[in-house]
Amino acid sequence: MGSGSHGNSVYVESPHTRILIDAGFNASQTAQRLSALGVSLEQLDAVLLTHEHADHAQGIKSITHRVSVPCYTNEKTRTACKPLEKVASLAEFHTNEPFQIKDFLIYPFSVPHDASDTVCFTIQYEEWKVGIATDFGMINPFVVNALQKTDILVLEFNHDLELLEKGPYHLSLKERIRGDYGHLCNEDSASLLRQLLHPSLRHVYLAHLSKANNTHEVAYLTASKVIQESAMETTALHLTWQDFISPVASLQ
């Protein structure tokens, strides 16, 4: 749907279930992007939030005012996220405990990020598994284990360390971004990707690229090197963009 510093949202569907991960765009923008996929807001079964930061949650109020769709969060995110105060239909999941939405088995796993209780998700449908992993500052064995054996992986490639160092941000913000509770740099993301590659991983989306501290070219080259070194020729890399949707990946 779109990914970057100012808005993030991922659409996942099966023949019977349609969900959004995060609501970083308002109802009009979300409807327009869904329309390009042949889907309407009214067809959504749920919106799930990873955490309360604006680039992931700022659109939830307008979306749920436009259509009657439940929003799933954990308790701490619900409490911390002001746009949720006027959302009529709220559902709660528990971090690190799987739950079901129709034919999706969803696993919200904890990641280190500077929000109240940030999670990433894996989504399983029949034999397929999708991993959505952005907004965390360090790699730990728990994260690596949760993301094993995905068929589609959406993975943060947030910043290039050199571009961040030379960039316009204040020192305190730079330290927050590269800290353990900030965001993954290209090199760390590449290291994680290397650990997650396997023959059935068919699509990898490079997500949450910083406009100020990264470029699509640098991120893509970094990830491509991992693919080439691992000789995983069946794994396709895709870039994500802030202002328009990325190519659709299908598992059949």
Protein backbone atom coordinates (compact mmCIF):
# COMPACT_ATOMS: atom_id res chain seq x y z
CA MET A 1 0.00 0.00 0.00
CA GLY A 2 2.85 2.36 0.86
CA SER A 3 5.80 2.64 3.20
CA GLY A 4 8.14 5.35 4.45
CA SER A 5 8.68 7.93 7.14
CA HIS A 6 5.25 9.56 6.71
CA GLY A 7 2.86 6.64 6.23
CA ASN A 8 2.82 2.85 6.29
CA SER A 9 0.20 0.27 5.41
CA VAL A 10 0.31 -3.30 4.09
CA TYR A 11 -2.64 -5.12 2.51
CA VAL A 12 -2.92 -8.91 2.79
CA GLU A 13 -5.72 -11.04 1.37
CA SER A 14 -6.82 -14.61 0.90
CA PRO A 15 -9.91 -15.73 -1.05
CA HIS A 16 -11.99 -15.12 2.09
CA THR A 17 -10.14 -12.55 4.23
CA ARG A 18 -8.86 -9.02 3.66
CA ILE A 19 -6.84 -7.09 6.24
CA LEU A 20 -4.65 -4.02 6.57
CA ILE A 21 -1.54 -3.97 8.69
CA ASP A 22 -1.27 -0.38 9.95
CA ALA A 23 -3.22 2.70 8.94
CA GLY A 24 -0.64 5.28 7.97
CA PHE A 25 -2.88 6.91 5.34
CA ASN A 26 -6.27 8.55 5.71
CA ALA A 27 -9.49 6.99 4.45
CA SER A 28 -9.40 8.71 1.06
CA GLN A 29 -5.79 7.75 0.38
CA THR A 30 -6.35 4.21 1.61
CA ALA A 31 -9.49 3.82 -0.51
CA GLN A 32 -7.66 5.09 -3.58
CA ARG A 33 -4.78 2.66 -3.12
CA LEU A 34 -7.09 -0.26 -2.42
CA SER A 35 -9.09 0.62 -5.52
CA ALA A 36 -5.95 0.12 -7.61
CA LEU A 37 -5.98 -3.47 -6.30
CA GLY A 38 -9.65 -3.94 -7.08
CA VAL A 39 -10.67 -3.75 -3.42
CA SER A 40 -12.91 -1.33 -1.52
CA LEU A 41 -12.70 -0.13 2.08
CA GLU A 42 -16.03 -1.82 2.73
CA GLN A 43 -14.49 -5.21 1.95
CA LEU A 44 -11.90 -5.02 4.74
CA ASP A 45 -12.33 -7.50 7.58
CA ALA A 46 -9.89 -5.83 9.98
CA VAL A 47 -7.15 -3.25 10.48
CA LEU A 48 -4.25 -4.27 12.73
CA LEU A 49 -1.86 -1.78 14.33
CA THR A 50 1.77 -2.56 15.09
CA HIS A 51 2.13 0.48 17.38
CA GLU A 52 0.83 3.98 17.98
CA HIS A 53 3.32 6.15 16.05
CA ALA A 54 1.59 8.49 13.62
CA ASP A 55 3.08 7.04 10.45
CA HIS A 56 1.36 3.75 11.32
CA ALA A 57 -1.83 4.88 13.05
CA GLN A 58 -2.78 8.37 11.86
CA GLY A 59 -5.42 7.11 9.42
CA ILE A 60 -7.32 4.75 11.70
CA LYS A 61 -9.88 7.31 12.88
CA SER A 62 -10.90 8.39 9.37
CA ILE A 63 -10.95 4.82 8.06
CA THR A 64 -13.17 3.53 10.85
CA HIS A 65 -15.47 6.55 10.54
CA ARG A 66 -15.87 5.85 6.82
CA VAL A 67 -16.54 2.11 7.16
CA SER A 68 -17.43 -0.26 9.98
CA VAL A 69 -14.25 -2.30 10.37
CA PRO A 70 -12.69 -3.52 13.63
CA CYS A 71 -9.25 -2.32 14.68
CA TYR A 72 -7.02 -4.85 16.44
CA THR A 73 -4.33 -3.68 18.87
CA ASN A 74 -2.71 -4.81 22.07
CA GLU A 75 -3.72 -3.11 25.31
CA LYS A 76 -0.75 -0.75 25.63
CA THR A 77 -1.03 0.47 22.05
CA ARG A 78 -4.75 1.06 22.48
CA THR A 79 -4.09 3.18 25.58
CA ALA A 80 -1.27 5.16 23.96
CA CYS A 81 -2.92 5.79 20.57
CA LYS A 82 -5.11 8.91 20.72
CA PRO A 83 -6.80 8.35 17.31
CA LEU A 84 -8.30 5.17 18.79
CA GLU A 85 -10.26 7.09 21.42
CA LYS A 86 -13.18 7.57 19.02
CA VAL A 87 -12.96 4.28 17.15
CA ALA A 88 -16.19 2.37 17.69
CA SER A 89 -15.06 -1.19 17.06
CA LEU A 90 -11.91 -2.24 18.90
CA ALA A 91 -10.56 -5.75 19.35
CA GLU A 92 -7.61 -6.72 21.50
CA PHE A 93 -4.85 -9.22 20.89
CA HIS A 94 -2.12 -10.25 23.31
CA THR A 95 1.50 -9.76 22.31
CA ASN A 96 3.30 -13.03 21.55
CA GLU A 97 0.02 -14.98 21.44
CA PRO A 98 -1.43 -16.14 18.09
CA PHE A 99 -5.01 -15.26 17.21
CA GLN A 100 -7.40 -15.90 14.36
CA ILE A 101 -9.18 -13.58 11.93
CA LYS A 102 -11.32 -15.80 9.70
CA ASP A 103 -8.84 -18.04 7.83
CA PHE A 104 -5.70 -16.10 8.87
CA LEU A 105 -3.62 -17.28 11.82
CA ILE A 106 -1.84 -14.15 13.02
CA TYR A 107 1.17 -14.03 15.33
CA PRO A 108 1.98 -10.63 16.89
CA PHE A 109 5.53 -10.82 18.22
CA SER A 110 7.34 -8.27 20.34
CA VAL A 111 10.13 -6.15 18.85
CA PRO A 112 12.41 -3.49 20.39
CA HIS A 113 11.12 -0.04 19.40
CA ASP A 114 10.43 3.19 21.26
CA ALA A 115 6.66 2.84 21.49
CA SER A 116 4.44 1.37 24.19
CA ASP A 117 4.35 -2.26 23.01
CA THR A 118 5.47 -2.54 19.38
CA VAL A 119 4.80 -5.76 17.51
CA CYS A 120 5.47 -7.17 14.09
CA PHE A 121 3.27 -9.82 12.52
CA THR A 122 3.38 -13.10 10.73
CA ILE A 123 0.23 -14.20 8.92
CA GLN A 124 -0.40 -17.80 7.98
CA TYR A 125 -2.97 -19.07 5.48
CA GLU A 126 -2.98 -22.77 4.70
CA GLU A 127 0.69 -23.59 3.91
CA TRP A 128 1.69 -19.97 3.22
CA LYS A 129 3.36 -17.55 5.63
CA VAL A 130 3.82 -13.79 5.31
CA GLY A 131 6.13 -11.80 7.60
CA ILE A 132 5.80 -8.05 8.15
CA ALA A 133 8.74 -6.66 10.10
CA THR A 134 9.45 -2.94 10.41
CA ASP A 135 10.16 -0.49 13.22
CA PHE A 136 12.69 -2.19 15.44
CA GLY A 137 16.22 -1.22 16.33
CA MET A 138 18.07 -4.47 16.86
CA ILE A 139 17.95 -8.10 15.85
CA ASN A 140 17.49 -10.73 18.53
CA PRO A 141 16.94 -14.50 18.38
CA PHE A 142 13.22 -14.08 19.12
CA VAL A 143 12.74 -11.95 16.00
CA VAL A 144 14.80 -14.29 13.84
CA ASN A 145 12.81 -17.29 15.04
CA ALA A 146 9.44 -15.62 14.45
CA LEU A 147 10.31 -14.74 10.85
CA GLN A 148 11.63 -18.14 9.81
CA LYS A 149 10.18 -19.88 6.73
CA THR A 150 8.17 -17.01 5.31
CA ASP A 151 7.03 -17.08 1.69
CA ILE A 152 6.69 -13.29 1.53
CA LEU A 153 8.73 -10.96 3.74
CA VAL A 154 8.23 -7.23 4.24
CA LEU A 155 11.45 -6.08 5.93
CA GLU A 156 12.63 -2.70 7.12
CA PHE A 157 15.64 -1.16 5.35
CA ASN A 158 15.37 2.19 7.10
CA HIS A 159 18.63 4.08 6.78
CA ASP A 160 22.16 4.11 5.48
CA LEU A 161 24.55 4.80 8.35
CA GLU A 162 26.72 7.19 6.36
CA LEU A 163 23.75 9.14 5.02
CA LEU A 164 22.28 9.35 8.52
CA GLU A 165 25.56 10.62 9.96
CA LYS A 166 25.90 13.31 7.28
CA GLY A 167 22.20 14.11 7.16
CA PRO A 168 20.21 17.07 8.49
CA TYR A 169 18.79 15.49 11.65
CA HIS A 170 19.69 16.73 15.12
CA LEU A 171 22.15 14.52 17.01
CA SER A 172 19.52 13.31 19.47
CA LEU A 173 17.27 12.13 16.62
CA LYS A 174 20.19 10.42 14.90
CA GLU A 175 20.97 8.57 18.12
CA ARG A 176 17.33 7.56 18.50
CA ILE A 177 17.16 6.20 14.93
CA ARG A 178 20.35 4.14 15.15
CA GLY A 179 19.72 3.03 18.74
CA ASP A 180 18.50 -0.36 19.91
CA TYR A 181 14.92 0.92 20.04
CA GLY A 182 15.02 2.84 16.77
CA HIS A 183 15.24 1.47 13.24
CA LEU A 184 17.37 -1.03 11.35
CA CYS A 185 20.10 0.28 9.08
CA ASN A 186 20.65 -1.31 5.68
CA GLU A 187 23.55 -3.41 6.93
CA ASP A 188 21.59 -4.84 9.87
CA SER A 189 18.61 -5.53 7.64
CA ALA A 190 20.88 -7.34 5.19
CA SER A 191 22.26 -9.44 8.05
CA LEU A 192 18.73 -10.39 9.10
CA LEU A 193 17.73 -11.15 5.52
CA ARG A 194 20.72 -13.46 5.21
CA GLN A 195 19.48 -15.43 8.23
CA LEU A 196 15.95 -15.66 6.84
CA LEU A 197 16.65 -16.72 3.27
CA HIS A 198 15.45 -20.17 2.29
CA PRO A 199 14.37 -21.77 -1.00
CA SER A 200 10.65 -21.03 -0.54
CA LEU A 201 11.06 -17.31 0.20
CA ARG A 202 9.67 -15.94 -3.04
CA HIS A 203 9.25 -12.22 -2.41
CA VAL A 204 11.07 -9.68 -0.22
CA TYR A 205 9.83 -6.09 0.07
CA LEU A 206 12.30 -3.45 1.26
CA ALA A 207 10.19 -1.24 3.52
CA HIS A 208 10.20 1.90 5.66
CA LEU A 209 13.03 3.57 3.72
CA SER A 210 13.91 6.96 5.15
CA LYS A 211 13.56 9.77 2.63
CA ALA A 212 16.30 11.79 4.34
CA ASN A 213 18.74 9.04 5.29
CA ASN A 214 18.48 6.37 2.60
CA THR A 215 17.97 5.89 -1.11
CA HIS A 216 16.12 3.16 -2.94
CA GLU A 217 19.25 2.45 -4.95
CA VAL A 218 21.49 1.93 -1.91
CA ALA A 219 18.94 -0.26 -0.10
CA TYR A 220 18.31 -2.37 -3.20
CA LEU A 221 22.02 -2.89 -3.87
CA THR A 222 22.58 -3.93 -0.26
CA ALA A 223 19.77 -6.49 -0.37
CA SER A 224 20.73 -7.69 -3.86
CA LYS A 225 24.21 -8.54 -2.65
CA VAL A 226 22.73 -10.85 -0.01
CA ILE A 227 20.56 -12.60 -2.60
CA GLN A 228 23.50 -13.04 -4.98
CA GLU A 229 25.86 -14.32 -2.30
CA SER A 230 23.24 -16.81 -1.11
CA ALA A 231 22.46 -17.97 -4.67
CA MET A 232 18.72 -17.67 -3.99
CA GLU A 233 17.72 -16.93 -7.55
CA THR A 234 14.05 -17.68 -6.85
CA THR A 235 13.74 -14.78 -4.37
CA ALA A 236 12.46 -11.55 -5.95
CA LEU A 237 13.26 -8.16 -4.40
CA HIS A 238 10.70 -5.35 -4.46
CA LEU A 239 11.03 -1.72 -3.44
CA THR A 240 8.30 0.08 -1.53
CA TRP A 241 7.38 3.73 -1.95
CA GLN A 242 5.73 6.42 0.11
CA ASP A 243 3.50 7.84 -2.59
CA PHE A 244 2.27 4.80 -4.52
CA ILE A 245 1.73 1.08 -4.15
CA SER A 246 4.33 -1.56 -4.91
CA PRO A 247 3.90 -4.53 -7.25
CA VAL A 248 1.57 -7.17 -5.85
CA ALA A 249 3.02 -10.52 -4.78
CA SER A 250 0.81 -13.56 -5.18
CA LEU A 251 1.26 -17.06 -3.78
CA GLN A 252 -0.41 -19.86 -5.72
